[in-house]
Amino acid sequence: MANGKSSRRSIKNIDFSALTANVTLSLGTVVAIENPNYGSFKYKNTTSYVTYHGEVVGVAPIEQRYVPARHKLNITTSMELTA
């Protein structure tokens, strides 16, 4: 309003279809590995995936471990969830 006249502007239509929002959430998780066999085994570093309606929405690293015979391990890891 430099010269005493006011100016009005309005927006009629806004198209939000081209906008995307990305959210990443870190979630503490416990993964259970159960070995019902009479023999023990080792596994290498691996990754656990969470899917929702066929799409991967979460990833958690699982470090290599030794699983004794007829034993259950609870492994604490951090899962990265994206939406």
C-alpha atoms as a PDB file:
ATOM      1  CA  MET A   1       0.000   0.000   0.000  1.00  0.00           C
ATOM      2  CA  ALA A   2       2.586   2.536  -1.140  1.00  0.00           C
ATOM      3  CA  ASN A   3       0.253   5.066  -2.795  1.00  0.00           C
ATOM      4  CA  GLY A   4      -2.774   4.724  -0.487  1.00  0.00           C
ATOM      5  CA  LYS A   5      -4.522   2.130  -2.667  1.00  0.00           C
ATOM      6  CA  SER A   6      -4.957  -1.378  -1.386  1.00  0.00           C
ATOM      7  CA  SER A   7      -4.503  -4.337  -3.617  1.00  0.00           C
ATOM      8  CA  ARG A   8      -6.341  -7.634  -3.199  1.00  0.00           C
ATOM      9  CA  ARG A   9      -5.232 -10.890  -4.651  1.00  0.00           C
ATOM     10  CA  SER A  10      -6.817 -14.258  -4.296  1.00  0.00           C
ATOM     11  CA  ILE A  11      -5.874 -17.777  -5.193  1.00  0.00           C
ATOM     12  CA  LYS A  12      -8.635 -19.736  -6.857  1.00  0.00           C
ATOM     13  CA  ASN A  13      -7.161 -23.234  -7.297  1.00  0.00           C
ATOM     14  CA  ILE A  14      -4.141 -24.961  -5.824  1.00  0.00           C
ATOM     15  CA  ASP A  15      -3.039 -28.362  -7.101  1.00  0.00           C
ATOM     16  CA  PHE A  16      -1.343 -30.357  -4.339  1.00  0.00           C
ATOM     17  CA  SER A  17      -1.079 -33.577  -6.354  1.00  0.00           C
ATOM     18  CA  ALA A  18       2.567 -32.901  -7.279  1.00  0.00           C
ATOM     19  CA  LEU A  19       3.640 -32.480  -3.636  1.00  0.00           C
ATOM     20  CA  THR A  20       4.994 -35.434  -1.693  1.00  0.00           C
ATOM     21  CA  ALA A  21       5.753 -35.756   1.989  1.00  0.00           C
ATOM     22  CA  ASN A  22       8.441 -38.095   3.241  1.00  0.00           C
ATOM     23  CA  VAL A  23       8.519 -39.139   6.880  1.00  0.00           C
ATOM     24  CA  THR A  24      11.216 -41.343   8.403  1.00  0.00           C
ATOM     25  CA  LEU A  25      10.790 -42.816  11.857  1.00  0.00           C
ATOM     26  CA  SER A  26      13.372 -44.758  13.842  1.00  0.00           C
ATOM     27  CA  LEU A  27      11.802 -47.431  16.032  1.00  0.00           C
ATOM     28  CA  GLY A  28      13.519 -49.695  18.566  1.00  0.00           C
ATOM     29  CA  THR A  29      12.607 -53.294  17.700  1.00  0.00           C
ATOM     30  CA  VAL A  30      13.183 -56.798  19.052  1.00  0.00           C
ATOM     31  CA  VAL A  31      13.515 -59.578  16.469  1.00  0.00           C
ATOM     32  CA  ALA A  32      13.163 -63.173  17.731  1.00  0.00           C
ATOM     33  CA  ILE A  33      15.146 -65.976  16.108  1.00  0.00           C
ATOM     34  CA  GLU A  34      14.131 -69.460  17.248  1.00  0.00           C
ATOM     35  CA  ASN A  35      16.104 -72.625  16.520  1.00  0.00           C
ATOM     36  CA  PRO A  36      14.021 -75.745  17.299  1.00  0.00           C
ATOM     37  CA  ASN A  37      16.693 -78.048  15.792  1.00  0.00           C
ATOM     38  CA  TYR A  38      19.179 -80.231  17.673  1.00  0.00           C
ATOM     39  CA  GLY A  39      22.047 -78.558  15.812  1.00  0.00           C
ATOM     40  CA  SER A  40      23.306 -75.002  16.219  1.00  0.00           C
ATOM     41  CA  PHE A  41      23.964 -72.583  13.351  1.00  0.00           C
ATOM     42  CA  LYS A  42      25.539 -69.218  12.531  1.00  0.00           C
ATOM     43  CA  TYR A  43      24.206 -66.554  10.226  1.00  0.00           C
ATOM     44  CA  LYS A  44      25.923 -63.538   8.662  1.00  0.00           C
ATOM     45  CA  ASN A  45      24.865 -59.885   8.800  1.00  0.00           C
ATOM     46  CA  THR A  46      21.448 -59.552   7.230  1.00  0.00           C
ATOM     47  CA  THR A  47      18.499 -57.198   6.901  1.00  0.00           C
ATOM     48  CA  SER A  48      14.902 -57.576   8.043  1.00  0.00           C
ATOM     49  CA  TYR A  49      12.173 -55.909   5.976  1.00  0.00           C
ATOM     50  CA  VAL A  50       8.649 -54.807   6.912  1.00  0.00           C
ATOM     51  CA  THR A  51       6.134 -54.658   4.081  1.00  0.00           C
ATOM     52  CA  TYR A  52       2.718 -53.027   3.949  1.00  0.00           C
ATOM     53  CA  HIS A  53       0.407 -53.877   1.049  1.00  0.00           C
ATOM     54  CA  GLY A  54       3.383 -55.276  -0.857  1.00  0.00           C
ATOM     55  CA  GLU A  55       5.624 -52.218  -0.388  1.00  0.00           C
ATOM     56  CA  VAL A  56       8.717 -52.121   1.832  1.00  0.00           C
ATOM     57  CA  VAL A  57       8.101 -49.550   4.585  1.00  0.00           C
ATOM     58  CA  GLY A  58      10.726 -50.601   7.129  1.00  0.00           C
ATOM     59  CA  VAL A  59      14.317 -51.839   7.186  1.00  0.00           C
ATOM     60  CA  ALA A  60      16.279 -53.199  10.174  1.00  0.00           C
ATOM     61  CA  PRO A  61      19.892 -54.407  10.179  1.00  0.00           C
ATOM     62  CA  ILE A  62      20.534 -57.687  12.023  1.00  0.00           C
ATOM     63  CA  GLU A  63      24.115 -58.427  13.064  1.00  0.00           C
ATOM     64  CA  GLN A  64      25.660 -61.862  12.640  1.00  0.00           C
ATOM     65  CA  ARG A  65      25.167 -64.252  15.536  1.00  0.00           C
ATOM     66  CA  TYR A  66      25.503 -67.835  16.666  1.00  0.00           C
ATOM     67  CA  VAL A  67      22.217 -69.585  17.525  1.00  0.00           C
ATOM     68  CA  PRO A  68      22.605 -72.578  19.858  1.00  0.00           C
ATOM     69  CA  ALA A  69      20.586 -75.765  19.363  1.00  0.00           C
ATOM     70  CA  ARG A  70      16.992 -75.591  20.632  1.00  0.00           C
ATOM     71  CA  HIS A  71      17.401 -71.981  21.658  1.00  0.00           C
ATOM     72  CA  LYS A  72      15.660 -68.642  21.048  1.00  0.00           C
ATOM     73  CA  LEU A  73      17.484 -65.320  20.628  1.00  0.00           C
ATOM     74  CA  ASN A  74      15.937 -61.895  21.078  1.00  0.00           C
ATOM     75  CA  ILE A  75      17.917 -59.381  19.049  1.00  0.00           C
ATOM     76  CA  THR A  76      17.506 -55.663  19.678  1.00  0.00           C
ATOM     77  CA  THR A  77      17.821 -53.472  16.586  1.00  0.00           C
ATOM     78  CA  SER A  78      16.600 -50.152  15.242  1.00  0.00           C
ATOM     79  CA  MET A  79      14.057 -50.156  12.421  1.00  0.00           C
ATOM     80  CA  GLU A  80      13.831 -47.261   9.983  1.00  0.00           C
ATOM     81  CA  LEU A  81      10.198 -46.797   8.879  1.00  0.00           C
ATOM     82  CA  THR A  82       9.329 -44.540   5.939  1.00  0.00           C
ATOM     83  CA  ALA A  83       5.965 -43.213   4.896  1.00  0.00           C
END
